[in-house]
Amino acid sequence: MQFVKSCVLFLALVLVAQHAKAQANYMGSLIVDPYYGAPNLDRLLWETSGSASNVTDYKSRGFGPFGARAEYMIADQFGLGLDVIFASIHTSYTEYLTVYNGVTDSFDSTRTEVDSKNRRLRVQLRFNYHFAVSNPNLDAYVGVGAGSNTRFNKTYENGVELKDDSNYYGITIVPVSFRLSVGMRYYFSRIVGINAEIGLGGPLISAGLSFRL
């Protein structure tokens, strides 16, 4: 709900500013945006698992989501592009379980050292609509994207690698991804600027540099 409110506010500000027909990019412009985003949702999900009562010595580290967007303006207000998004997390913990032993008619305690490495890559085609705003250094847009969703997972229990069954937290991974976003760029010179974007289906928020070629 907060995301929807932010998008509505953003669009309202942009629409109010459209009384002047000025814009930062025109047909034929090529824009490249390297960026870093937050939060790392996979890491947050793992940290929830790490709070279980039968888990100790939990550790996690990760980076991303980060990536780069490239966009070519096919018209003054329409752009086509590519968005590459990458994120990674590495976790380790000790898990204790109680298992019934039918031979001895008793319960045995097991101790398992778990080490997991997970990487996620999304490559999406993008379509952006750019608003005509009053400031020629400001580029504001809404975008939609669709593409691949690939995970590279390795899990070890007591040093032995488990067979990858393409599941993640017991859920079969859908190999496609989608994104809906609103964003803006502000150029300090003819070539260099900054970018910021909020969206769903990738980093919730991201920011970085913009290069207009």
N, C-alpha and C. Protein backbone atom coordinates (compact mmCIF):
# COMPACT_ATOMS: atom_id res chain seq x y z
N MET A 1 0.81 -1.20 0.00
CA MET A 1 0.00 0.00 0.00
C MET A 1 0.86 1.27 0.00
N GLN A 2 1.96 1.25 0.77
CA GLN A 2 2.85 2.40 0.80
C GLN A 2 3.47 2.63 -0.57
N PHE A 3 3.79 1.51 -1.27
CA PHE A 3 4.34 1.64 -2.61
C PHE A 3 3.35 2.31 -3.55
N VAL A 4 2.07 1.93 -3.48
CA VAL A 4 1.04 2.53 -4.33
C VAL A 4 0.90 4.01 -4.03
N LYS A 5 0.91 4.39 -2.76
CA LYS A 5 0.81 5.80 -2.40
C LYS A 5 1.98 6.60 -2.94
N SER A 6 3.19 6.01 -2.86
CA SER A 6 4.37 6.70 -3.37
C SER A 6 4.28 6.90 -4.88
N CYS A 7 3.79 5.90 -5.59
CA CYS A 7 3.64 6.01 -7.05
C CYS A 7 2.62 7.07 -7.41
N VAL A 8 1.50 7.10 -6.70
CA VAL A 8 0.46 8.10 -6.97
C VAL A 8 0.99 9.50 -6.74
N LEU A 9 1.72 9.70 -5.64
CA LEU A 9 2.29 11.01 -5.34
C LEU A 9 3.29 11.42 -6.41
N PHE A 10 4.13 10.48 -6.82
CA PHE A 10 5.12 10.76 -7.86
C PHE A 10 4.44 11.18 -9.16
N LEU A 11 3.44 10.44 -9.58
CA LEU A 11 2.76 10.75 -10.83
C LEU A 11 2.02 12.07 -10.75
N ALA A 12 1.45 12.38 -9.58
CA ALA A 12 0.75 13.65 -9.43
C ALA A 12 1.71 14.82 -9.58
N LEU A 13 2.90 14.71 -8.98
CA LEU A 13 3.89 15.79 -9.10
C LEU A 13 4.35 15.95 -10.54
N VAL A 14 4.52 14.83 -11.23
CA VAL A 14 4.96 14.89 -12.62
C VAL A 14 3.90 15.52 -13.51
N LEU A 15 2.64 15.13 -13.31
CA LEU A 15 1.57 15.66 -14.14
C LEU A 15 1.37 17.15 -13.93
N VAL A 16 1.55 17.61 -12.70
CA VAL A 16 1.45 19.04 -12.43
C VAL A 16 2.53 19.80 -13.17
N ALA A 17 3.70 19.17 -13.32
CA ALA A 17 4.83 19.84 -13.95
C ALA A 17 4.80 19.81 -15.47
N GLN A 18 3.78 19.22 -16.07
CA GLN A 18 3.78 19.03 -17.51
C GLN A 18 3.30 20.24 -18.31
N HIS A 19 3.07 21.36 -17.69
CA HIS A 19 2.56 22.51 -18.43
C HIS A 19 3.58 23.05 -19.42
N ALA A 20 4.87 22.78 -19.21
CA ALA A 20 5.91 23.21 -20.14
C ALA A 20 6.44 22.00 -20.89
N LYS A 21 6.60 22.11 -22.20
CA LYS A 21 7.04 20.98 -23.02
C LYS A 21 8.56 20.94 -23.12
N ALA A 22 9.20 20.67 -22.00
CA ALA A 22 10.65 20.50 -21.98
C ALA A 22 10.95 19.10 -21.51
N GLN A 23 12.08 18.55 -21.95
CA GLN A 23 12.44 17.22 -21.50
C GLN A 23 13.93 17.00 -21.66
N ALA A 24 14.43 15.99 -20.92
CA ALA A 24 15.88 15.76 -20.89
C ALA A 24 16.35 14.89 -22.03
N ASN A 25 15.52 13.94 -22.48
CA ASN A 25 15.92 13.00 -23.51
C ASN A 25 15.03 13.13 -24.74
N TYR A 26 15.61 12.85 -25.88
CA TYR A 26 14.87 12.93 -27.14
C TYR A 26 15.14 11.66 -27.95
N MET A 27 14.37 11.51 -29.02
CA MET A 27 14.53 10.37 -29.90
C MET A 27 15.99 10.22 -30.33
N GLY A 28 16.52 9.00 -30.18
CA GLY A 28 17.91 8.74 -30.51
C GLY A 28 18.85 8.76 -29.33
N SER A 29 18.38 9.24 -28.17
CA SER A 29 19.23 9.25 -26.97
C SER A 29 19.44 7.83 -26.46
N LEU A 30 20.64 7.56 -25.94
CA LEU A 30 20.96 6.29 -25.30
C LEU A 30 21.39 6.59 -23.87
N ILE A 31 20.71 5.97 -22.90
CA ILE A 31 20.98 6.22 -21.49
C ILE A 31 21.40 4.93 -20.81
N VAL A 32 22.47 4.99 -20.03
CA VAL A 32 22.96 3.84 -19.28
C VAL A 32 22.95 4.19 -17.79
N ASP A 33 22.31 3.34 -16.98
CA ASP A 33 22.15 3.59 -15.54
C ASP A 33 22.73 2.45 -14.72
N PRO A 34 23.94 2.52 -14.23
CA PRO A 34 24.37 1.57 -13.20
C PRO A 34 23.76 1.97 -11.86
N TYR A 35 23.34 0.98 -11.05
CA TYR A 35 22.62 1.33 -9.81
C TYR A 35 22.84 0.27 -8.75
N TYR A 36 22.52 0.65 -7.51
CA TYR A 36 22.51 -0.28 -6.39
C TYR A 36 21.16 -0.13 -5.70
N GLY A 37 20.56 -1.27 -5.27
CA GLY A 37 19.22 -1.22 -4.70
C GLY A 37 19.13 -1.83 -3.32
N ALA A 38 17.94 -1.77 -2.76
CA ALA A 38 17.66 -2.33 -1.45
C ALA A 38 16.13 -2.54 -1.34
N PRO A 39 15.70 -3.44 -0.43
CA PRO A 39 16.51 -4.34 0.38
C PRO A 39 16.82 -5.64 -0.37
N ASN A 40 17.68 -6.46 0.22
CA ASN A 40 17.94 -7.80 -0.29
C ASN A 40 16.87 -8.71 0.32
N LEU A 41 15.78 -8.92 -0.42
CA LEU A 41 14.63 -9.65 0.13
C LEU A 41 14.98 -11.10 0.44
N ASP A 42 15.84 -11.71 -0.35
CA ASP A 42 16.23 -13.09 -0.07
C ASP A 42 16.95 -13.19 1.28
N ARG A 43 17.79 -12.20 1.57
CA ARG A 43 18.50 -12.23 2.85
C ARG A 43 17.53 -12.03 4.01
N LEU A 44 16.55 -11.16 3.84
CA LEU A 44 15.55 -10.96 4.89
C LEU A 44 14.77 -12.25 5.14
N LEU A 45 14.46 -12.98 4.07
CA LEU A 45 13.73 -14.23 4.21
C LEU A 45 14.58 -15.27 4.94
N TRP A 46 15.87 -15.34 4.61
CA TRP A 46 16.75 -16.28 5.30
C TRP A 46 16.90 -15.93 6.76
N GLU A 47 16.96 -14.65 7.09
CA GLU A 47 17.13 -14.24 8.48
C GLU A 47 15.91 -14.61 9.31
N THR A 48 14.74 -14.65 8.68
CA THR A 48 13.55 -15.14 9.37
C THR A 48 13.69 -16.61 9.73
N SER A 49 14.26 -17.39 8.80
CA SER A 49 14.51 -18.81 9.08
C SER A 49 15.55 -18.97 10.18
N GLY A 50 16.51 -18.06 10.24
CA GLY A 50 17.57 -18.15 11.24
C GLY A 50 17.10 -17.90 12.66
N SER A 51 15.88 -17.38 12.81
CA SER A 51 15.37 -17.12 14.16
C SER A 51 14.66 -18.33 14.75
N ALA A 52 14.62 -19.45 14.04
CA ALA A 52 13.96 -20.66 14.54
C ALA A 52 14.65 -21.16 15.79
N SER A 53 13.88 -21.79 16.67
CA SER A 53 14.41 -22.23 17.97
C SER A 53 15.43 -23.34 17.84
N ASN A 54 15.40 -24.10 16.74
CA ASN A 54 16.34 -25.21 16.58
C ASN A 54 17.56 -24.84 15.75
N VAL A 55 17.78 -23.54 15.55
CA VAL A 55 18.92 -23.07 14.76
C VAL A 55 19.84 -22.23 15.64
N THR A 56 21.15 -22.49 15.55
CA THR A 56 22.14 -21.70 16.29
C THR A 56 23.27 -21.30 15.34
N ASP A 57 24.11 -20.40 15.82
CA ASP A 57 25.30 -19.95 15.08
C ASP A 57 24.94 -19.46 13.68
N TYR A 58 23.82 -18.77 13.57
CA TYR A 58 23.37 -18.30 12.26
C TYR A 58 24.20 -17.11 11.80
N LYS A 59 24.67 -17.17 10.55
CA LYS A 59 25.42 -16.07 9.95
C LYS A 59 24.94 -15.87 8.51
N SER A 60 24.87 -14.63 8.09
CA SER A 60 24.50 -14.37 6.70
C SER A 60 25.23 -13.13 6.20
N ARG A 61 25.52 -13.13 4.93
CA ARG A 61 26.08 -11.96 4.27
C ARG A 61 25.61 -11.97 2.81
N GLY A 62 25.52 -10.82 2.24
CA GLY A 62 25.05 -10.76 0.87
C GLY A 62 25.25 -9.38 0.29
N PHE A 63 25.00 -9.26 -0.98
CA PHE A 63 25.08 -7.96 -1.62
C PHE A 63 24.01 -7.89 -2.71
N GLY A 64 23.69 -6.69 -3.08
CA GLY A 64 22.65 -6.46 -4.07
C GLY A 64 21.29 -6.31 -3.41
N PRO A 65 20.27 -6.11 -4.24
CA PRO A 65 20.33 -6.17 -5.70
C PRO A 65 21.05 -4.97 -6.32
N PHE A 66 21.84 -5.25 -7.34
CA PHE A 66 22.46 -4.18 -8.10
C PHE A 66 22.41 -4.56 -9.57
N GLY A 67 22.69 -3.60 -10.43
CA GLY A 67 22.63 -3.92 -11.85
C GLY A 67 22.83 -2.69 -12.71
N ALA A 68 22.33 -2.78 -13.92
CA ALA A 68 22.45 -1.69 -14.88
C ALA A 68 21.28 -1.72 -15.84
N ARG A 69 20.79 -0.54 -16.18
CA ARG A 69 19.75 -0.40 -17.18
C ARG A 69 20.32 0.35 -18.38
N ALA A 70 19.94 -0.07 -19.57
CA ALA A 70 20.30 0.65 -20.79
C ALA A 70 19.01 0.91 -21.55
N GLU A 71 18.83 2.15 -22.01
CA GLU A 71 17.58 2.52 -22.67
C GLU A 71 17.87 3.35 -23.92
N TYR A 72 17.16 3.01 -25.00
CA TYR A 72 17.28 3.77 -26.25
C TYR A 72 15.93 4.43 -26.52
N MET A 73 15.95 5.73 -26.76
CA MET A 73 14.72 6.48 -27.00
C MET A 73 14.27 6.28 -28.45
N ILE A 74 13.19 5.54 -28.63
CA ILE A 74 12.66 5.31 -29.98
C ILE A 74 11.75 6.46 -30.42
N ALA A 75 11.37 7.32 -29.48
CA ALA A 75 10.61 8.54 -29.74
C ALA A 75 10.91 9.49 -28.60
N ASP A 76 10.42 10.72 -28.69
CA ASP A 76 10.74 11.70 -27.65
C ASP A 76 10.26 11.26 -26.27
N GLN A 77 9.18 10.49 -26.19
CA GLN A 77 8.64 10.11 -24.88
C GLN A 77 8.56 8.60 -24.67
N PHE A 78 9.14 7.81 -25.57
CA PHE A 78 9.08 6.36 -25.44
C PHE A 78 10.48 5.77 -25.58
N GLY A 79 10.80 4.85 -24.66
CA GLY A 79 12.11 4.22 -24.71
C GLY A 79 12.03 2.72 -24.53
N LEU A 80 12.91 1.99 -25.20
CA LEU A 80 13.05 0.55 -25.04
C LEU A 80 14.42 0.26 -24.45
N GLY A 81 14.48 -0.73 -23.56
CA GLY A 81 15.77 -0.99 -22.95
C GLY A 81 15.90 -2.37 -22.35
N LEU A 82 17.00 -2.56 -21.64
CA LEU A 82 17.34 -3.82 -21.00
C LEU A 82 17.76 -3.53 -19.56
N ASP A 83 17.27 -4.36 -18.64
CA ASP A 83 17.59 -4.21 -17.21
C ASP A 83 18.17 -5.52 -16.72
N VAL A 84 19.39 -5.48 -16.19
CA VAL A 84 20.06 -6.67 -15.65
C VAL A 84 20.17 -6.50 -14.14
N ILE A 85 19.58 -7.42 -13.36
CA ILE A 85 19.51 -7.31 -11.90
C ILE A 85 20.16 -8.54 -11.28
N PHE A 86 21.07 -8.33 -10.33
CA PHE A 86 21.78 -9.44 -9.69
C PHE A 86 21.77 -9.26 -8.18
N ALA A 87 21.61 -10.36 -7.45
CA ALA A 87 21.67 -10.33 -5.99
C ALA A 87 22.26 -11.65 -5.50
N SER A 88 22.89 -11.62 -4.32
CA SER A 88 23.54 -12.81 -3.79
C SER A 88 23.44 -12.84 -2.27
N ILE A 89 23.39 -14.07 -1.72
CA ILE A 89 23.41 -14.24 -0.27
C ILE A 89 24.12 -15.55 0.07
N HIS A 90 24.88 -15.51 1.16
CA HIS A 90 25.60 -16.69 1.66
C HIS A 90 25.25 -16.84 3.14
N THR A 91 24.68 -18.00 3.52
CA THR A 91 24.28 -18.24 4.90
C THR A 91 24.90 -19.52 5.43
N SER A 92 25.07 -19.56 6.74
CA SER A 92 25.53 -20.78 7.41
C SER A 92 24.91 -20.83 8.80
N TYR A 93 24.61 -22.05 9.26
CA TYR A 93 24.01 -22.21 10.58
C TYR A 93 24.09 -23.68 10.99
N THR A 94 23.80 -23.91 12.26
CA THR A 94 23.73 -25.27 12.80
C THR A 94 22.28 -25.57 13.15
N GLU A 95 21.79 -26.70 12.67
CA GLU A 95 20.39 -27.08 12.88
C GLU A 95 20.32 -28.34 13.74
N TYR A 96 19.47 -28.29 14.77
CA TYR A 96 19.27 -29.44 15.65
C TYR A 96 17.86 -29.99 15.45
N LEU A 97 17.77 -31.31 15.25
CA LEU A 97 16.48 -31.96 15.06
C LEU A 97 16.38 -33.18 15.97
N THR A 98 15.16 -33.53 16.35
CA THR A 98 14.90 -34.74 17.13
C THR A 98 14.17 -35.73 16.24
N VAL A 99 14.78 -36.91 16.05
CA VAL A 99 14.25 -37.92 15.12
C VAL A 99 13.96 -39.21 15.89
N TYR A 100 12.79 -39.79 15.60
CA TYR A 100 12.42 -41.05 16.27
C TYR A 100 13.22 -42.22 15.69
N ASN A 101 13.77 -43.05 16.55
CA ASN A 101 14.53 -44.24 16.17
C ASN A 101 13.68 -45.46 16.49
N GLY A 102 13.16 -46.12 15.42
CA GLY A 102 12.29 -47.27 15.62
C GLY A 102 12.99 -48.48 16.17
N VAL A 103 14.28 -48.56 15.97
CA VAL A 103 15.04 -49.73 16.45
C VAL A 103 15.15 -49.70 17.96
N THR A 104 15.48 -48.53 18.50
CA THR A 104 15.67 -48.41 19.95
C THR A 104 14.44 -47.89 20.66
N ASP A 105 13.40 -47.54 19.87
CA ASP A 105 12.17 -46.97 20.42
C ASP A 105 12.48 -45.75 21.29
N SER A 106 13.31 -44.86 20.70
CA SER A 106 13.69 -43.65 21.43
C SER A 106 13.88 -42.51 20.41
N PHE A 107 14.12 -41.34 20.94
CA PHE A 107 14.34 -40.17 20.09
C PHE A 107 15.82 -39.79 20.12
N ASP A 108 16.37 -39.63 18.92
CA ASP A 108 17.78 -39.26 18.79
C ASP A 108 17.89 -37.81 18.33
N SER A 109 18.88 -37.12 18.84
CA SER A 109 19.13 -35.74 18.44
C SER A 109 20.16 -35.72 17.32
N THR A 110 19.91 -34.95 16.28
CA THR A 110 20.84 -34.82 15.16
C THR A 110 21.33 -33.38 15.09
N ARG A 111 22.56 -33.23 14.65
CA ARG A 111 23.18 -31.91 14.51
C ARG A 111 23.69 -31.79 13.08
N THR A 112 23.22 -30.78 12.35
CA THR A 112 23.57 -30.60 10.95
C THR A 112 24.16 -29.23 10.71
N GLU A 113 25.35 -29.20 10.11
CA GLU A 113 25.97 -27.95 9.71
C GLU A 113 25.53 -27.62 8.28
N VAL A 114 24.86 -26.50 8.12
CA VAL A 114 24.30 -26.13 6.83
C VAL A 114 25.02 -24.90 6.29
N ASP A 115 25.41 -24.96 5.03
CA ASP A 115 26.05 -23.84 4.36
C ASP A 115 25.37 -23.67 2.99
N SER A 116 24.84 -22.48 2.74
CA SER A 116 24.06 -22.27 1.52
C SER A 116 24.53 -21.02 0.80
N LYS A 117 24.66 -21.13 -0.52
CA LYS A 117 25.05 -20.01 -1.38
C LYS A 117 23.98 -19.85 -2.46
N ASN A 118 23.39 -18.67 -2.54
CA ASN A 118 22.30 -18.42 -3.47
C ASN A 118 22.54 -17.14 -4.26
N ARG A 119 22.45 -17.24 -5.56
CA ARG A 119 22.59 -16.08 -6.44
C ARG A 119 21.36 -16.01 -7.35
N ARG A 120 20.95 -14.78 -7.64
CA ARG A 120 19.75 -14.58 -8.46
C ARG A 120 20.04 -13.58 -9.57
N LEU A 121 19.70 -13.95 -10.80
CA LEU A 121 19.93 -13.09 -11.96
C LEU A 121 18.61 -12.92 -12.71
N ARG A 122 18.25 -11.65 -12.95
CA ARG A 122 17.07 -11.34 -13.76
C ARG A 122 17.51 -10.43 -14.91
N VAL A 123 17.10 -10.80 -16.12
CA VAL A 123 17.36 -9.99 -17.32
C VAL A 123 16.01 -9.65 -17.93
N GLN A 124 15.68 -8.38 -17.96
CA GLN A 124 14.35 -7.95 -18.38
C GLN A 124 14.41 -6.94 -19.52
N LEU A 125 13.48 -7.09 -20.46
CA LEU A 125 13.25 -6.07 -21.46
C LEU A 125 12.36 -4.99 -20.85
N ARG A 126 12.69 -3.73 -21.14
CA ARG A 126 11.98 -2.61 -20.51
C ARG A 126 11.28 -1.74 -21.56
N PHE A 127 10.13 -1.20 -21.17
CA PHE A 127 9.46 -0.17 -21.95
C PHE A 127 9.14 0.98 -21.00
N ASN A 128 9.60 2.18 -21.31
CA ASN A 128 9.39 3.35 -20.47
C ASN A 128 8.61 4.43 -21.21
N TYR A 129 7.70 5.06 -20.48
CA TYR A 129 7.04 6.27 -20.97
C TYR A 129 7.59 7.45 -20.19
N HIS A 130 8.09 8.49 -20.90
CA HIS A 130 8.71 9.64 -20.28
C HIS A 130 7.76 10.84 -20.32
N PHE A 131 7.66 11.50 -19.17
CA PHE A 131 6.80 12.68 -19.07
C PHE A 131 7.55 13.93 -19.55
N ALA A 132 6.80 14.85 -20.12
CA ALA A 132 7.37 16.16 -20.46
C ALA A 132 7.24 17.06 -19.24
N VAL A 133 8.37 17.37 -18.61
CA VAL A 133 8.37 18.17 -17.39
C VAL A 133 9.00 19.53 -17.67
N SER A 134 8.84 20.44 -16.72
CA SER A 134 9.26 21.82 -16.95
C SER A 134 10.77 22.02 -16.88
N ASN A 135 11.48 21.13 -16.21
CA ASN A 135 12.93 21.26 -16.06
C ASN A 135 13.63 20.40 -17.11
N PRO A 136 14.40 20.99 -18.02
CA PRO A 136 15.04 20.20 -19.09
C PRO A 136 16.13 19.27 -18.58
N ASN A 137 16.56 19.41 -17.33
CA ASN A 137 17.56 18.50 -16.76
C ASN A 137 16.93 17.29 -16.06
N LEU A 138 15.61 17.31 -15.93
CA LEU A 138 14.90 16.26 -15.19
C LEU A 138 14.18 15.33 -16.15
N ASP A 139 14.39 14.04 -15.96
CA ASP A 139 13.72 13.01 -16.75
C ASP A 139 12.88 12.17 -15.79
N ALA A 140 11.57 12.15 -15.98
CA ALA A 140 10.66 11.36 -15.13
C ALA A 140 9.91 10.37 -16.01
N TYR A 141 9.73 9.15 -15.50
CA TYR A 141 9.15 8.10 -16.34
C TYR A 141 8.43 7.04 -15.51
N VAL A 142 7.60 6.27 -16.20
CA VAL A 142 7.05 5.03 -15.65
C VAL A 142 7.49 3.92 -16.58
N GLY A 143 7.72 2.73 -16.02
CA GLY A 143 8.24 1.64 -16.84
C GLY A 143 7.65 0.30 -16.49
N VAL A 144 7.62 -0.59 -17.48
CA VAL A 144 7.23 -1.98 -17.26
C VAL A 144 8.30 -2.86 -17.88
N GLY A 145 8.51 -4.03 -17.29
CA GLY A 145 9.53 -4.93 -17.81
C GLY A 145 9.15 -6.38 -17.60
N ALA A 146 9.73 -7.26 -18.40
CA ALA A 146 9.51 -8.70 -18.28
C ALA A 146 10.74 -9.42 -18.80
N GLY A 147 11.04 -10.57 -18.18
CA GLY A 147 12.21 -11.31 -18.62
C GLY A 147 12.45 -12.57 -17.82
N SER A 148 13.70 -12.96 -17.70
CA SER A 148 14.07 -14.22 -17.07
C SER A 148 14.20 -14.07 -15.55
N ASN A 149 14.19 -15.21 -14.88
CA ASN A 149 14.39 -15.27 -13.43
C ASN A 149 15.18 -16.54 -13.14
N THR A 150 16.49 -16.40 -12.96
CA THR A 150 17.38 -17.57 -12.83
C THR A 150 18.06 -17.55 -11.47
N ARG A 151 18.04 -18.70 -10.79
CA ARG A 151 18.72 -18.84 -9.50
C ARG A 151 19.82 -19.90 -9.62
N PHE A 152 20.93 -19.61 -8.95
CA PHE A 152 22.04 -20.55 -8.86
C PHE A 152 22.23 -20.86 -7.37
N ASN A 153 21.79 -22.06 -6.96
CA ASN A 153 21.79 -22.41 -5.54
C ASN A 153 22.72 -23.59 -5.28
N LYS A 154 23.47 -23.48 -4.18
CA LYS A 154 24.28 -24.60 -3.70
C LYS A 154 24.11 -24.70 -2.20
N THR A 155 23.73 -25.89 -1.73
CA THR A 155 23.53 -26.12 -0.30
C THR A 155 24.36 -27.32 0.13
N TYR A 156 25.06 -27.16 1.24
CA TYR A 156 25.90 -28.24 1.79
C TYR A 156 25.41 -28.56 3.19
N GLU A 157 25.28 -29.86 3.47
CA GLU A 157 24.96 -30.33 4.83
C GLU A 157 26.10 -31.21 5.30
N ASN A 158 26.75 -30.75 6.38
CA ASN A 158 27.93 -31.44 6.91
C ASN A 158 28.99 -31.64 5.84
N GLY A 159 29.13 -30.63 4.98
CA GLY A 159 30.16 -30.65 3.96
C GLY A 159 29.80 -31.38 2.68
N VAL A 160 28.61 -31.98 2.61
CA VAL A 160 28.19 -32.73 1.43
C VAL A 160 27.17 -31.90 0.66
N GLU A 161 27.43 -31.69 -0.63
CA GLU A 161 26.52 -30.88 -1.45
C GLU A 161 25.24 -31.64 -1.74
N LEU A 162 24.11 -30.97 -1.53
CA LEU A 162 22.82 -31.57 -1.82
C LEU A 162 22.49 -31.42 -3.30
N LYS A 163 21.69 -32.34 -3.81
CA LYS A 163 21.26 -32.26 -5.20
C LYS A 163 20.31 -31.08 -5.37
N ASP A 164 20.55 -30.25 -6.39
CA ASP A 164 19.70 -29.09 -6.66
C ASP A 164 18.42 -29.56 -7.35
N ASP A 165 17.28 -29.39 -6.67
CA ASP A 165 16.01 -29.81 -7.26
C ASP A 165 15.20 -28.61 -7.78
N SER A 166 15.89 -27.47 -7.94
CA SER A 166 15.25 -26.26 -8.48
C SER A 166 14.18 -25.70 -7.57
N ASN A 167 14.20 -26.10 -6.29
CA ASN A 167 13.25 -25.53 -5.33
C ASN A 167 13.95 -24.49 -4.48
N TYR A 168 13.16 -23.57 -3.96
CA TYR A 168 13.69 -22.52 -3.10
C TYR A 168 12.70 -22.34 -1.96
N TYR A 169 13.11 -22.66 -0.74
CA TYR A 169 12.22 -22.67 0.42
C TYR A 169 11.02 -23.58 0.16
N GLY A 170 11.23 -24.69 -0.58
CA GLY A 170 10.15 -25.61 -0.85
C GLY A 170 9.22 -25.17 -1.96
N ILE A 171 9.55 -24.10 -2.66
CA ILE A 171 8.69 -23.58 -3.72
C ILE A 171 9.42 -23.71 -5.05
N THR A 172 8.73 -24.22 -6.06
CA THR A 172 9.32 -24.31 -7.39
C THR A 172 9.47 -22.91 -7.97
N ILE A 173 10.65 -22.60 -8.48
CA ILE A 173 10.94 -21.26 -8.97
C ILE A 173 10.32 -21.05 -10.36
N VAL A 174 9.58 -19.97 -10.51
CA VAL A 174 9.03 -19.59 -11.80
C VAL A 174 10.14 -18.93 -12.61
N PRO A 175 10.41 -19.37 -13.83
CA PRO A 175 11.58 -18.87 -14.58
C PRO A 175 11.36 -17.52 -15.26
N VAL A 176 10.29 -16.81 -14.94
CA VAL A 176 10.05 -15.49 -15.54
C VAL A 176 9.91 -14.45 -14.44
N SER A 177 10.17 -13.20 -14.78
CA SER A 177 10.05 -12.11 -13.82
C SER A 177 9.40 -10.91 -14.51
N PHE A 178 8.78 -10.07 -13.69
CA PHE A 178 8.11 -8.87 -14.19
C PHE A 178 8.47 -7.69 -13.28
N ARG A 179 8.38 -6.48 -13.84
CA ARG A 179 8.68 -5.29 -13.05
C ARG A 179 7.77 -4.14 -13.46
N LEU A 180 7.29 -3.42 -12.46
CA LEU A 180 6.55 -2.17 -12.64
C LEU A 180 7.27 -1.11 -11.81
N SER A 181 7.58 0.03 -12.42
CA SER A 181 8.42 1.00 -11.71
C SER A 181 8.09 2.43 -12.13
N VAL A 182 8.50 3.34 -11.27
CA VAL A 182 8.50 4.77 -11.58
C VAL A 182 9.87 5.30 -11.19
N GLY A 183 10.40 6.22 -11.97
CA GLY A 183 11.74 6.70 -11.68
C GLY A 183 12.01 8.07 -12.26
N MET A 184 13.20 8.56 -11.96
CA MET A 184 13.60 9.85 -12.51
C MET A 184 15.12 9.91 -12.60
N ARG A 185 15.58 10.76 -13.47
CA ARG A 185 17.00 11.07 -13.63
C ARG A 185 17.16 12.59 -13.58
N TYR A 186 18.28 13.00 -13.04
CA TYR A 186 18.60 14.43 -13.06
C TYR A 186 20.04 14.58 -13.57
N TYR A 187 20.20 15.38 -14.64
CA TYR A 187 21.50 15.54 -15.28
C TYR A 187 22.18 16.83 -14.81
N PHE A 188 23.43 16.67 -14.39
CA PHE A 188 24.24 17.82 -13.99
C PHE A 188 25.02 18.39 -15.16
N SER A 189 25.15 17.61 -16.21
CA SER A 189 25.83 18.06 -17.42
C SER A 189 25.14 17.39 -18.61
N ARG A 190 25.67 17.59 -19.79
CA ARG A 190 25.06 16.99 -20.98
C ARG A 190 25.14 15.48 -20.95
N ILE A 191 26.11 14.94 -20.20
CA ILE A 191 26.33 13.49 -20.20
C ILE A 191 26.01 12.83 -18.86
N VAL A 192 26.40 13.42 -17.74
CA VAL A 192 26.38 12.74 -16.44
C VAL A 192 25.23 13.24 -15.57
N GLY A 193 24.57 12.29 -14.90
CA GLY A 193 23.51 12.62 -13.96
C GLY A 193 23.37 11.53 -12.91
N ILE A 194 22.27 11.57 -12.18
CA ILE A 194 21.95 10.56 -11.17
C ILE A 194 20.57 10.01 -11.47
N ASN A 195 20.30 8.80 -10.96
CA ASN A 195 18.99 8.19 -11.16
C ASN A 195 18.46 7.63 -9.85
N ALA A 196 17.14 7.52 -9.75
CA ALA A 196 16.47 6.91 -8.61
C ALA A 196 15.19 6.25 -9.13
N GLU A 197 14.87 5.09 -8.56
CA GLU A 197 13.70 4.36 -9.04
C GLU A 197 13.09 3.57 -7.90
N ILE A 198 11.77 3.48 -7.86
CA ILE A 198 11.08 2.57 -6.95
C ILE A 198 10.24 1.63 -7.81
N GLY A 199 10.11 0.37 -7.37
CA GLY A 199 9.38 -0.57 -8.20
C GLY A 199 9.11 -1.89 -7.51
N LEU A 200 8.37 -2.73 -8.19
CA LEU A 200 8.08 -4.09 -7.76
C LEU A 200 8.60 -5.05 -8.82
N GLY A 201 9.16 -6.19 -8.38
CA GLY A 201 9.73 -7.14 -9.33
C GLY A 201 11.19 -6.87 -9.58
N GLY A 202 11.93 -6.60 -8.53
CA GLY A 202 13.34 -6.19 -8.59
C GLY A 202 13.62 -5.40 -7.33
N PRO A 203 14.62 -4.52 -7.34
CA PRO A 203 14.86 -3.72 -6.13
C PRO A 203 13.68 -2.81 -5.83
N LEU A 204 13.28 -2.78 -4.56
CA LEU A 204 12.17 -1.91 -4.16
C LEU A 204 12.56 -0.45 -4.37
N ILE A 205 13.80 -0.12 -4.01
CA ILE A 205 14.32 1.21 -4.27
C ILE A 205 15.73 1.05 -4.83
N SER A 206 16.13 1.94 -5.71
CA SER A 206 17.49 1.90 -6.26
C SER A 206 17.93 3.29 -6.63
N ALA A 207 19.24 3.48 -6.69
CA ALA A 207 19.80 4.78 -7.07
C ALA A 207 21.19 4.56 -7.64
N GLY A 208 21.61 5.46 -8.50
CA GLY A 208 22.93 5.34 -9.10
C GLY A 208 23.24 6.50 -10.02
N LEU A 209 24.14 6.27 -10.95
CA LEU A 209 24.55 7.28 -11.91
C LEU A 209 23.80 7.08 -13.24
N SER A 210 23.74 8.13 -14.01
CA SER A 210 23.17 8.08 -15.36
C SER A 210 24.15 8.67 -16.35
N PHE A 211 24.29 8.00 -17.48
CA PHE A 211 25.15 8.49 -18.55
C PHE A 211 24.33 8.61 -19.83
N ARG A 212 24.22 9.81 -20.36
CA ARG A 212 23.43 10.07 -21.56
C ARG A 212 24.39 10.17 -22.75
N LEU A 213 24.27 9.24 -23.69
CA LEU A 213 25.20 9.14 -24.80
C LEU A 213 24.54 9.60 -26.10
